[in-house]
Amino acid sequence: MPPKDRYHHGDLREELLRASLQLIESEGLAAVSLRKVAREAGVSPGAPYHHFADRAALMSALAARGFELLGAAMTSVRETAPDPRAALIAMAIGYVDFARDHAAYFRIMFRPELSQPEKHPDTEAAGDAAFAVLESTVAEAVASGFLPAADAETMALAWWSLAHGMAALTVDGKFALRATQSGTTPQELTARITRIFADLIDGRGSSGH
C-alpha cells in the first residue's frame, strides 16, 4: 500500500523541506527529486505536488529559507557588536559559521539556475533582504568614518566576496585542511583573515588585533 499522507497541510511543506535537506546531506544535491523527497518524508509520491510544482520550485523554496536564516543570523551578530567595524568582522565570521552549520542550504542558495528573479522572485527577495543587512551595516561604517562614502557599494560587495569565498572553501573542506596545515582552527583562521582585511581597509595594515 502507498504511504499515507499523515501531515497537516502546513506541516507537510516543512517535512518536505526537511526531507530534502536530509537527502542533500546524505546523497548530494543531484539526488534530490520530488519522488525521493516523498519517500524520505514517508508520504505518497503525489504529495509534494500540493506544495511544489516541480523540483525547481522545491529548490527555490529551500534557497529562500536559507537566505532567511542567513539574514537572521547576520542581524543577530550585528546587534551584539559594539561598533560598525566590529560588526562587519563578526558578520563575515558569522557568514562562514552559517555555511559550515547549514551546508545543505548553502549548496543550494547560490545555484546559477536559481539566480533568475523572474522565475524565482521569492528566492531573489530573500537574498536581497539578507544582503540588505550587510548594506545597512556598511552604511553605518561609512557614517562612523571606517569606510569611505564614495565606495560604499563596492565595499559591501568586497565584504560579501571575502565572506563568501571563505564560506565556499569551508563547505568544500579546503579551509579546514589549510587551517590544520597552519596549526590553527578554521574558526581562528577565519577571524585572522577577516581582521587583516579590516586592518587593510582602515590603513593599519596589522593583523595583531
Protein backbone atom coordinates (compact mmCIF):
# COMPACT_ATOMS: atom_id res chain seq x y z
CA MET A 1 0.00 0.00 0.00
CA PRO A 2 1.24 3.55 -0.71
CA PRO A 3 2.34 5.71 2.23
CA LYS A 4 -0.33 7.72 3.93
CA ASP A 5 -0.04 11.49 3.93
CA ARG A 6 -0.05 11.85 7.69
CA TYR A 7 0.88 15.53 7.85
CA HIS A 8 -1.38 18.54 8.05
CA HIS A 9 -1.09 20.88 5.07
CA GLY A 10 1.41 23.29 6.67
CA ASP A 11 3.35 20.53 8.40
CA LEU A 12 3.76 18.63 5.14
CA ARG A 13 5.60 21.52 3.48
CA GLU A 14 8.03 21.73 6.39
CA GLU A 15 8.55 17.99 6.38
CA LEU A 16 9.28 18.02 2.65
CA LEU A 17 11.87 20.74 3.14
CA ARG A 18 13.43 18.76 5.99
CA ALA A 19 13.48 15.60 3.88
CA SER A 20 15.12 17.49 1.02
CA LEU A 21 17.89 18.74 3.27
CA GLN A 22 18.41 15.24 4.61
CA LEU A 23 18.81 13.91 1.07
CA ILE A 24 21.27 16.63 0.16
CA GLU A 25 23.37 15.88 3.24
CA SER A 26 23.34 12.12 2.69
CA GLU A 27 23.37 11.76 -1.10
CA GLY A 28 24.17 15.16 -2.60
CA LEU A 29 22.17 17.79 -4.42
CA ALA A 30 21.83 15.79 -7.63
CA ALA A 31 19.98 13.04 -5.76
CA VAL A 32 17.01 15.24 -4.90
CA SER A 33 13.78 14.57 -6.77
CA LEU A 34 10.19 15.03 -5.68
CA ARG A 35 9.72 11.26 -5.67
CA LYS A 36 12.77 10.69 -3.46
CA VAL A 37 11.72 13.51 -1.16
CA ALA A 38 8.27 11.94 -0.82
CA ARG A 39 9.84 8.61 0.07
CA GLU A 40 12.16 10.25 2.61
CA ALA A 41 9.20 12.05 4.18
CA GLY A 42 7.08 8.89 4.21
CA VAL A 43 4.27 10.32 2.07
CA SER A 44 2.73 9.39 -1.25
CA PRO A 45 4.60 10.30 -4.47
CA GLY A 46 1.97 12.87 -5.36
CA ALA A 47 2.01 14.67 -2.01
CA PRO A 48 4.89 17.08 -2.80
CA TYR A 49 2.97 18.48 -5.76
CA HIS A 50 0.49 20.06 -3.37
CA HIS A 51 3.27 22.50 -2.46
CA PHE A 52 5.86 22.40 -5.25
CA ALA A 53 5.12 22.33 -8.96
CA ASP A 54 8.46 20.72 -9.75
CA ARG A 55 11.99 20.18 -8.48
CA ALA A 56 12.97 23.75 -9.32
CA ALA A 57 10.18 25.10 -7.13
CA LEU A 58 11.38 22.92 -4.25
CA MET A 59 14.96 24.11 -4.70
CA SER A 60 13.76 27.71 -4.83
CA ALA A 61 11.87 27.29 -1.56
CA LEU A 62 14.93 25.80 0.11
CA ALA A 63 17.14 28.62 -1.14
CA ALA A 64 14.69 31.24 0.09
CA ARG A 65 14.59 29.58 3.51
CA GLY A 66 18.38 29.53 3.57
CA PHE A 67 18.60 33.25 2.83
CA GLU A 68 16.04 33.96 5.55
CA LEU A 69 18.13 32.03 8.07
CA LEU A 70 21.30 33.75 6.90
CA GLY A 71 19.70 37.18 7.20
CA ALA A 72 18.51 36.39 10.71
CA ALA A 73 21.98 35.14 11.68
CA MET A 74 23.64 38.28 10.30
CA THR A 75 21.16 40.52 12.11
CA SER A 76 21.77 38.71 15.39
CA VAL A 77 25.54 39.02 15.04
CA ARG A 78 25.34 42.70 14.12
CA GLU A 79 23.22 43.55 17.13
CA THR A 80 25.84 42.22 19.55
CA ALA A 81 28.78 44.12 18.00
CA PRO A 82 30.00 47.29 19.75
CA ASP A 83 30.59 49.30 16.55
CA PRO A 84 30.22 49.01 12.73
CA ARG A 85 33.80 47.84 12.20
CA ALA A 86 33.39 45.06 14.75
CA ALA A 87 30.01 44.25 13.23
CA LEU A 88 31.48 43.75 9.75
CA ILE A 89 34.18 41.47 11.14
CA ALA A 90 31.67 39.48 13.18
CA MET A 91 29.27 39.22 10.24
CA ALA A 92 31.97 37.82 7.95
CA ILE A 93 32.84 35.23 10.59
CA GLY A 94 29.14 34.52 11.13
CA TYR A 95 28.64 34.03 7.40
CA VAL A 96 31.29 31.32 7.38
CA ASP A 97 29.80 29.76 10.51
CA PHE A 98 26.40 29.67 8.79
CA ALA A 99 27.86 27.88 5.76
CA ARG A 100 29.56 25.31 7.97
CA ASP A 101 26.49 24.70 10.14
CA HIS A 102 23.98 24.77 7.26
CA ALA A 103 26.00 23.32 4.39
CA ALA A 104 22.96 21.80 2.66
CA TYR A 105 21.24 25.17 2.50
CA PHE A 106 24.45 26.89 1.41
CA ARG A 107 24.94 24.50 -1.50
CA ILE A 108 21.50 25.44 -2.84
CA MET A 109 21.31 29.16 -2.17
CA PHE A 110 23.72 30.27 -4.88
CA ARG A 111 22.85 27.81 -7.63
CA PRO A 112 23.02 29.63 -11.01
CA GLU A 113 19.63 28.33 -12.10
CA LEU A 114 18.01 29.99 -9.10
CA SER A 115 19.51 33.40 -9.89
CA GLN A 116 16.63 34.35 -12.16
CA PRO A 117 14.33 36.90 -10.50
CA GLU A 118 11.53 36.40 -12.98
CA LYS A 119 11.38 32.66 -12.27
CA HIS A 120 12.20 32.67 -8.56
CA PRO A 121 11.02 36.00 -7.10
CA ASP A 122 10.77 34.72 -3.53
CA THR A 123 14.35 33.48 -3.57
CA GLU A 124 15.57 36.73 -5.07
CA ALA A 125 13.68 38.77 -2.48
CA ALA A 126 15.06 36.69 0.40
CA GLY A 127 18.59 37.03 -0.97
CA ASP A 128 18.20 40.79 -1.35
CA ALA A 129 16.91 41.04 2.23
CA ALA A 130 19.93 39.14 3.55
CA PHE A 131 22.30 41.35 1.56
CA ALA A 132 20.49 44.44 2.84
CA VAL A 133 21.68 43.57 6.36
CA LEU A 134 25.25 43.88 5.11
CA GLU A 135 24.49 47.04 3.13
CA SER A 136 22.98 48.77 6.16
CA THR A 137 25.99 47.82 8.26
CA VAL A 138 28.31 49.22 5.59
CA ALA A 139 26.25 52.44 5.66
CA GLU A 140 26.83 52.62 9.42
CA ALA A 141 30.55 52.02 8.85
CA VAL A 142 30.60 54.90 6.37
CA ALA A 143 28.84 57.16 8.85
CA SER A 144 31.39 56.23 11.52
CA GLY A 145 34.31 57.01 9.22
CA PHE A 146 35.59 53.43 8.92
CA LEU A 147 34.66 53.16 5.23
CA PRO A 148 34.80 55.83 2.51
CA ALA A 149 31.39 57.04 1.37
CA ALA A 150 32.34 57.02 -2.31
CA ASP A 151 32.96 53.28 -2.32
CA ALA A 152 30.17 52.06 -0.03
CA GLU A 153 28.53 49.79 -2.62
CA THR A 154 31.87 48.34 -3.69
CA MET A 155 32.83 47.79 -0.07
CA ALA A 156 29.62 45.87 0.58
CA LEU A 157 30.45 43.60 -2.35
CA ALA A 158 34.04 43.27 -1.12
CA TRP A 159 32.94 42.14 2.36
CA TRP A 160 30.47 39.70 0.82
CA SER A 161 33.14 38.34 -1.54
CA LEU A 162 35.55 37.84 1.36
CA ALA A 163 32.99 36.04 3.49
CA HIS A 164 31.56 34.00 0.63
CA GLY A 165 34.98 32.86 -0.52
CA MET A 166 35.89 31.58 2.93
CA ALA A 167 32.43 30.01 3.28
CA ALA A 168 32.71 28.16 -0.03
CA LEU A 169 36.15 26.85 0.91
CA THR A 170 34.74 25.76 4.27
CA VAL A 171 31.85 23.83 2.75
CA ASP A 172 34.22 22.13 0.30
CA GLY A 173 36.55 21.09 3.13
CA LYS A 174 39.51 23.09 1.83
CA PHE A 175 39.53 25.65 4.63
CA ALA A 176 39.80 23.11 7.43
CA LEU A 177 42.74 21.48 5.63
CA ARG A 178 44.59 24.79 5.34
CA ALA A 179 43.85 25.62 8.96
CA THR A 180 45.29 22.29 10.10
CA GLN A 181 48.39 22.84 7.99
CA SER A 182 48.76 26.27 9.62
CA GLY A 183 48.43 24.82 13.11
CA THR A 184 45.16 26.55 13.92
CA THR A 185 41.40 26.03 13.74
CA PRO A 186 39.11 27.04 10.85
CA GLN A 187 37.33 29.50 13.14
CA GLU A 188 40.55 31.22 14.21
CA LEU A 189 41.83 31.33 10.63
CA THR A 190 38.55 32.93 9.53
CA ALA A 191 38.87 35.55 12.26
CA ARG A 192 42.51 36.31 11.41
CA ILE A 193 41.81 36.74 7.70
CA THR A 194 38.82 38.96 8.38
CA ARG A 195 40.76 41.14 10.81
CA ILE A 196 43.59 41.51 8.28
CA PHE A 197 41.05 42.65 5.69
CA ALA A 198 39.60 45.19 8.11
CA ASP A 199 43.07 46.46 9.03
CA LEU A 200 43.96 46.94 5.37
CA ILE A 201 40.82 48.96 4.83
CA ASP A 202 41.34 51.32 7.73
CA GLY A 203 45.05 51.71 6.98
CA ARG A 204 46.50 49.91 9.96
CA GLY A 205 47.85 47.03 7.91
CA SER A 206 48.34 44.88 11.00
CA SER A 207 46.81 41.52 11.87
CA GLY A 208 47.70 41.66 15.54
CA HIS A 209 44.29 42.78 16.88
